[in-house]
């Protein structure tokens, strides 16, 4: 699978309020850090620059269980890969 490991029975379906990306996570809390926004943080900043906070920007849309986990993982991965099934 693309977002979560094969055989995952329960996961959270999230959308980031900052960047708008939807993704799956093994966590099921109401809010979590967006992994996509965290990649954008520039750790090489100057002495007069402020460090941007991206804490807890992804909100839980739904907790998925059973077959729904695999279905949603497939749907979201098709959006990212553009329908390319070569990664499967």
N, C-alpha and C. Protein backbone atom coordinates (compact mmCIF):
# COMPACT_ATOMS: atom_id res chain seq x y z
N UNK A 1 0.85 -1.17 0.00
CA UNK A 1 0.00 0.00 0.00
C UNK A 1 0.89 1.24 0.00
N UNK A 2 0.32 2.38 -0.25
CA UNK A 2 1.09 3.60 -0.48
C UNK A 2 1.31 4.41 0.80
N UNK A 3 0.25 4.64 1.58
CA UNK A 3 0.35 5.49 2.77
C UNK A 3 0.60 4.72 4.06
N UNK A 4 -0.04 3.56 4.20
CA UNK A 4 0.08 2.77 5.42
C UNK A 4 0.59 1.37 5.07
N UNK A 5 1.18 0.66 6.02
CA UNK A 5 1.72 -0.68 5.74
C UNK A 5 0.62 -1.67 5.35
N UNK A 6 0.98 -2.67 4.59
CA UNK A 6 0.08 -3.73 4.19
C UNK A 6 -0.50 -4.42 5.43
N UNK A 7 -1.78 -4.66 5.43
CA UNK A 7 -2.43 -5.33 6.54
C UNK A 7 -2.93 -4.40 7.64
N UNK A 8 -2.84 -3.11 7.44
CA UNK A 8 -3.32 -2.16 8.44
C UNK A 8 -4.83 -2.28 8.59
N UNK A 9 -5.32 -2.42 9.82
CA UNK A 9 -6.74 -2.62 10.09
C UNK A 9 -7.46 -1.33 10.49
N UNK A 10 -6.70 -0.34 10.99
CA UNK A 10 -7.33 0.90 11.45
C UNK A 10 -6.36 2.06 11.23
N UNK A 11 -6.87 3.16 10.67
CA UNK A 11 -6.02 4.33 10.46
C UNK A 11 -6.89 5.59 10.42
N UNK A 12 -6.23 6.73 10.44
CA UNK A 12 -6.92 8.01 10.37
C UNK A 12 -6.79 8.62 8.99
N UNK A 13 -7.88 9.23 8.52
CA UNK A 13 -7.91 9.93 7.23
C UNK A 13 -7.89 11.42 7.56
N UNK A 14 -6.82 12.12 7.16
CA UNK A 14 -6.59 13.50 7.55
C UNK A 14 -6.54 14.44 6.36
N UNK A 15 -6.84 15.72 6.64
CA UNK A 15 -6.61 16.79 5.67
C UNK A 15 -5.93 17.94 6.40
N UNK A 16 -4.86 18.43 5.78
CA UNK A 16 -4.11 19.54 6.36
C UNK A 16 -4.83 20.85 6.06
N UNK A 17 -5.01 21.67 7.09
CA UNK A 17 -5.66 22.97 6.91
C UNK A 17 -4.75 23.96 6.20
N UNK A 18 -3.44 23.77 6.30
CA UNK A 18 -2.49 24.72 5.72
C UNK A 18 -2.26 24.46 4.23
N UNK A 19 -1.92 23.20 3.87
CA UNK A 19 -1.57 22.91 2.47
C UNK A 19 -2.69 22.18 1.72
N UNK A 20 -3.70 21.67 2.43
CA UNK A 20 -4.85 21.03 1.80
C UNK A 20 -4.64 19.59 1.38
N UNK A 21 -3.49 19.00 1.68
CA UNK A 21 -3.21 17.62 1.30
C UNK A 21 -4.02 16.66 2.17
N UNK A 22 -4.60 15.64 1.53
CA UNK A 22 -5.30 14.58 2.26
C UNK A 22 -4.39 13.36 2.30
N UNK A 23 -4.32 12.71 3.47
CA UNK A 23 -3.43 11.56 3.61
C UNK A 23 -3.94 10.63 4.71
N UNK A 24 -3.38 9.43 4.74
CA UNK A 24 -3.69 8.45 5.78
C UNK A 24 -2.53 8.39 6.75
N UNK A 25 -2.86 8.13 8.01
CA UNK A 25 -1.85 7.98 9.05
C UNK A 25 -2.27 6.87 9.99
N UNK A 26 -1.29 6.19 10.57
CA UNK A 26 -1.60 5.16 11.56
C UNK A 26 -2.17 5.76 12.83
N UNK A 27 -1.98 7.06 13.03
CA UNK A 27 -2.52 7.74 14.20
C UNK A 27 -4.02 8.01 14.00
N UNK A 28 -4.76 8.12 15.09
CA UNK A 28 -6.19 8.42 15.01
C UNK A 28 -6.58 9.55 15.96
N UNK A 29 -5.65 10.44 16.25
CA UNK A 29 -5.94 11.59 17.11
C UNK A 29 -6.70 12.64 16.30
N UNK A 30 -7.32 13.61 16.98
CA UNK A 30 -8.11 14.64 16.29
C UNK A 30 -7.25 15.54 15.41
N UNK A 31 -6.05 15.88 15.86
CA UNK A 31 -5.12 16.69 15.07
C UNK A 31 -3.72 16.12 15.19
N UNK A 32 -2.97 16.19 14.07
CA UNK A 32 -1.58 15.74 14.06
C UNK A 32 -0.76 16.71 13.21
N UNK A 33 0.55 16.57 13.27
CA UNK A 33 1.44 17.36 12.41
C UNK A 33 1.33 16.86 10.98
N UNK A 34 1.28 17.77 10.04
CA UNK A 34 1.25 17.41 8.62
C UNK A 34 2.68 17.10 8.17
N UNK A 35 2.89 15.90 7.67
CA UNK A 35 4.23 15.52 7.24
C UNK A 35 4.67 16.29 6.00
N UNK A 36 3.73 16.72 5.19
CA UNK A 36 4.06 17.47 3.98
C UNK A 36 4.48 18.90 4.30
N UNK A 37 3.84 19.53 5.27
CA UNK A 37 4.25 20.87 5.69
C UNK A 37 5.59 20.83 6.41
N UNK A 38 5.84 19.76 7.15
CA UNK A 38 7.11 19.63 7.88
C UNK A 38 8.29 19.53 6.92
N UNK A 39 8.07 18.97 5.72
CA UNK A 39 9.14 18.87 4.73
C UNK A 39 9.56 20.23 4.21
N UNK A 40 8.66 21.22 4.28
CA UNK A 40 8.94 22.56 3.75
C UNK A 40 9.74 23.44 4.71
N UNK A 41 9.88 23.04 5.95
CA UNK A 41 10.57 23.87 6.94
C UNK A 41 12.05 23.96 6.58
N UNK A 42 12.57 25.17 6.53
CA UNK A 42 13.97 25.42 6.23
C UNK A 42 14.73 25.51 7.55
N UNK A 43 15.52 24.49 7.84
CA UNK A 43 16.26 24.46 9.10
C UNK A 43 17.51 25.35 9.07
N UNK A 44 17.90 25.82 7.91
CA UNK A 44 19.05 26.69 7.79
C UNK A 44 18.57 28.13 7.73
N UNK A 45 18.29 28.71 8.89
CA UNK A 45 17.79 30.07 8.93
C UNK A 45 18.82 30.98 9.57
N UNK A 46 18.68 32.23 9.27
CA UNK A 46 19.60 33.22 9.80
C UNK A 46 19.23 33.64 11.22
N UNK A 47 20.08 34.43 11.86
CA UNK A 47 19.84 34.83 13.25
C UNK A 47 18.63 35.75 13.41
N UNK A 48 18.21 36.44 12.37
CA UNK A 48 17.08 37.36 12.50
C UNK A 48 15.78 36.78 11.94
N UNK A 49 15.75 35.49 11.61
CA UNK A 49 14.56 34.85 11.07
C UNK A 49 13.82 34.08 12.17
N UNK A 50 12.50 34.08 12.09
CA UNK A 50 11.68 33.32 13.03
C UNK A 50 11.45 31.92 12.49
N UNK A 51 11.40 30.95 13.40
CA UNK A 51 11.10 29.58 13.00
C UNK A 51 9.59 29.43 12.89
N UNK A 52 9.12 29.00 11.75
CA UNK A 52 7.69 28.84 11.50
C UNK A 52 7.18 27.59 12.21
N UNK A 53 6.03 27.72 12.86
CA UNK A 53 5.41 26.59 13.55
C UNK A 53 4.38 25.94 12.64
N UNK A 54 4.46 24.64 12.48
CA UNK A 54 3.48 23.88 11.70
C UNK A 54 2.89 22.76 12.56
N UNK A 55 2.66 23.03 13.80
CA UNK A 55 2.17 22.01 14.70
C UNK A 55 0.68 21.78 14.53
N UNK A 56 0.30 20.51 14.51
CA UNK A 56 -1.10 20.08 14.50
C UNK A 56 -1.95 20.80 13.46
N UNK A 57 -1.54 20.75 12.21
CA UNK A 57 -2.31 21.41 11.16
C UNK A 57 -3.23 20.46 10.42
N UNK A 58 -3.05 19.15 10.61
CA UNK A 58 -3.90 18.16 9.94
C UNK A 58 -5.03 17.73 10.86
N UNK A 59 -6.26 17.86 10.38
CA UNK A 59 -7.45 17.50 11.16
C UNK A 59 -7.99 16.15 10.70
N UNK A 60 -8.45 15.37 11.65
CA UNK A 60 -9.03 14.06 11.37
C UNK A 60 -10.37 14.23 10.67
N UNK A 61 -10.52 13.59 9.51
CA UNK A 61 -11.79 13.59 8.79
C UNK A 61 -12.60 12.38 9.20
N UNK A 62 -11.92 11.22 9.26
CA UNK A 62 -12.63 9.97 9.54
C UNK A 62 -11.63 8.91 10.00
N UNK A 63 -12.08 8.02 10.88
CA UNK A 63 -11.29 6.86 11.25
C UNK A 63 -11.75 5.71 10.35
N UNK A 64 -10.82 5.13 9.62
CA UNK A 64 -11.13 4.05 8.69
C UNK A 64 -10.75 2.72 9.31
N UNK A 65 -11.59 1.70 9.06
CA UNK A 65 -11.31 0.37 9.59
C UNK A 65 -11.59 -0.69 8.54
N UNK A 66 -10.89 -1.82 8.64
CA UNK A 66 -11.12 -2.96 7.77
C UNK A 66 -10.80 -2.70 6.31
N UNK A 67 -11.73 -3.08 5.42
CA UNK A 67 -11.54 -2.94 3.98
C UNK A 67 -11.44 -1.48 3.54
N UNK A 68 -12.06 -0.58 4.30
CA UNK A 68 -12.03 0.84 3.94
C UNK A 68 -10.62 1.40 3.92
N UNK A 69 -9.73 0.85 4.75
CA UNK A 69 -8.33 1.31 4.78
C UNK A 69 -7.68 1.07 3.43
N UNK A 70 -7.79 -0.13 2.90
CA UNK A 70 -7.17 -0.46 1.62
C UNK A 70 -7.81 0.31 0.47
N UNK A 71 -9.12 0.48 0.50
CA UNK A 71 -9.82 1.22 -0.57
C UNK A 71 -9.38 2.68 -0.61
N UNK A 72 -9.34 3.33 0.55
CA UNK A 72 -8.96 4.73 0.60
C UNK A 72 -7.49 4.91 0.25
N UNK A 73 -6.64 4.00 0.69
CA UNK A 73 -5.22 4.05 0.34
C UNK A 73 -5.04 3.98 -1.17
N UNK A 74 -5.79 3.09 -1.82
CA UNK A 74 -5.72 2.97 -3.28
C UNK A 74 -6.21 4.24 -3.96
N UNK A 75 -7.33 4.78 -3.51
CA UNK A 75 -7.87 6.00 -4.11
C UNK A 75 -6.91 7.18 -3.99
N UNK A 76 -6.37 7.39 -2.79
CA UNK A 76 -5.46 8.51 -2.57
C UNK A 76 -4.16 8.32 -3.35
N UNK A 77 -3.67 7.10 -3.44
CA UNK A 77 -2.42 6.86 -4.16
C UNK A 77 -2.60 7.07 -5.66
N UNK A 78 -3.79 6.77 -6.20
CA UNK A 78 -4.05 7.02 -7.62
C UNK A 78 -4.02 8.52 -7.91
N UNK A 79 -4.48 9.32 -6.97
CA UNK A 79 -4.45 10.78 -7.15
C UNK A 79 -3.00 11.27 -7.20
N UNK A 80 -2.13 10.68 -6.41
CA UNK A 80 -0.72 11.09 -6.36
C UNK A 80 0.04 10.58 -7.59
N UNK A 81 -0.18 9.31 -7.95
CA UNK A 81 0.58 8.70 -9.04
C UNK A 81 -0.02 8.99 -10.41
N UNK A 82 -1.20 9.59 -10.45
CA UNK A 82 -1.83 9.91 -11.71
C UNK A 82 -2.35 8.69 -12.45
N UNK A 83 -2.70 7.64 -11.70
CA UNK A 83 -3.23 6.44 -12.30
C UNK A 83 -2.17 5.46 -12.76
N UNK A 84 -0.93 5.70 -12.39
CA UNK A 84 0.17 4.80 -12.76
C UNK A 84 0.18 3.61 -11.79
N UNK A 85 -0.12 2.44 -12.30
CA UNK A 85 -0.18 1.24 -11.46
C UNK A 85 1.17 0.54 -11.31
N UNK A 86 2.24 1.08 -11.87
CA UNK A 86 3.54 0.41 -11.83
C UNK A 86 4.08 0.23 -10.41
N UNK A 87 3.69 1.08 -9.47
CA UNK A 87 4.21 1.00 -8.11
C UNK A 87 3.57 -0.14 -7.33
N UNK A 88 2.43 -0.68 -7.83
CA UNK A 88 1.72 -1.73 -7.10
C UNK A 88 2.49 -3.03 -7.17
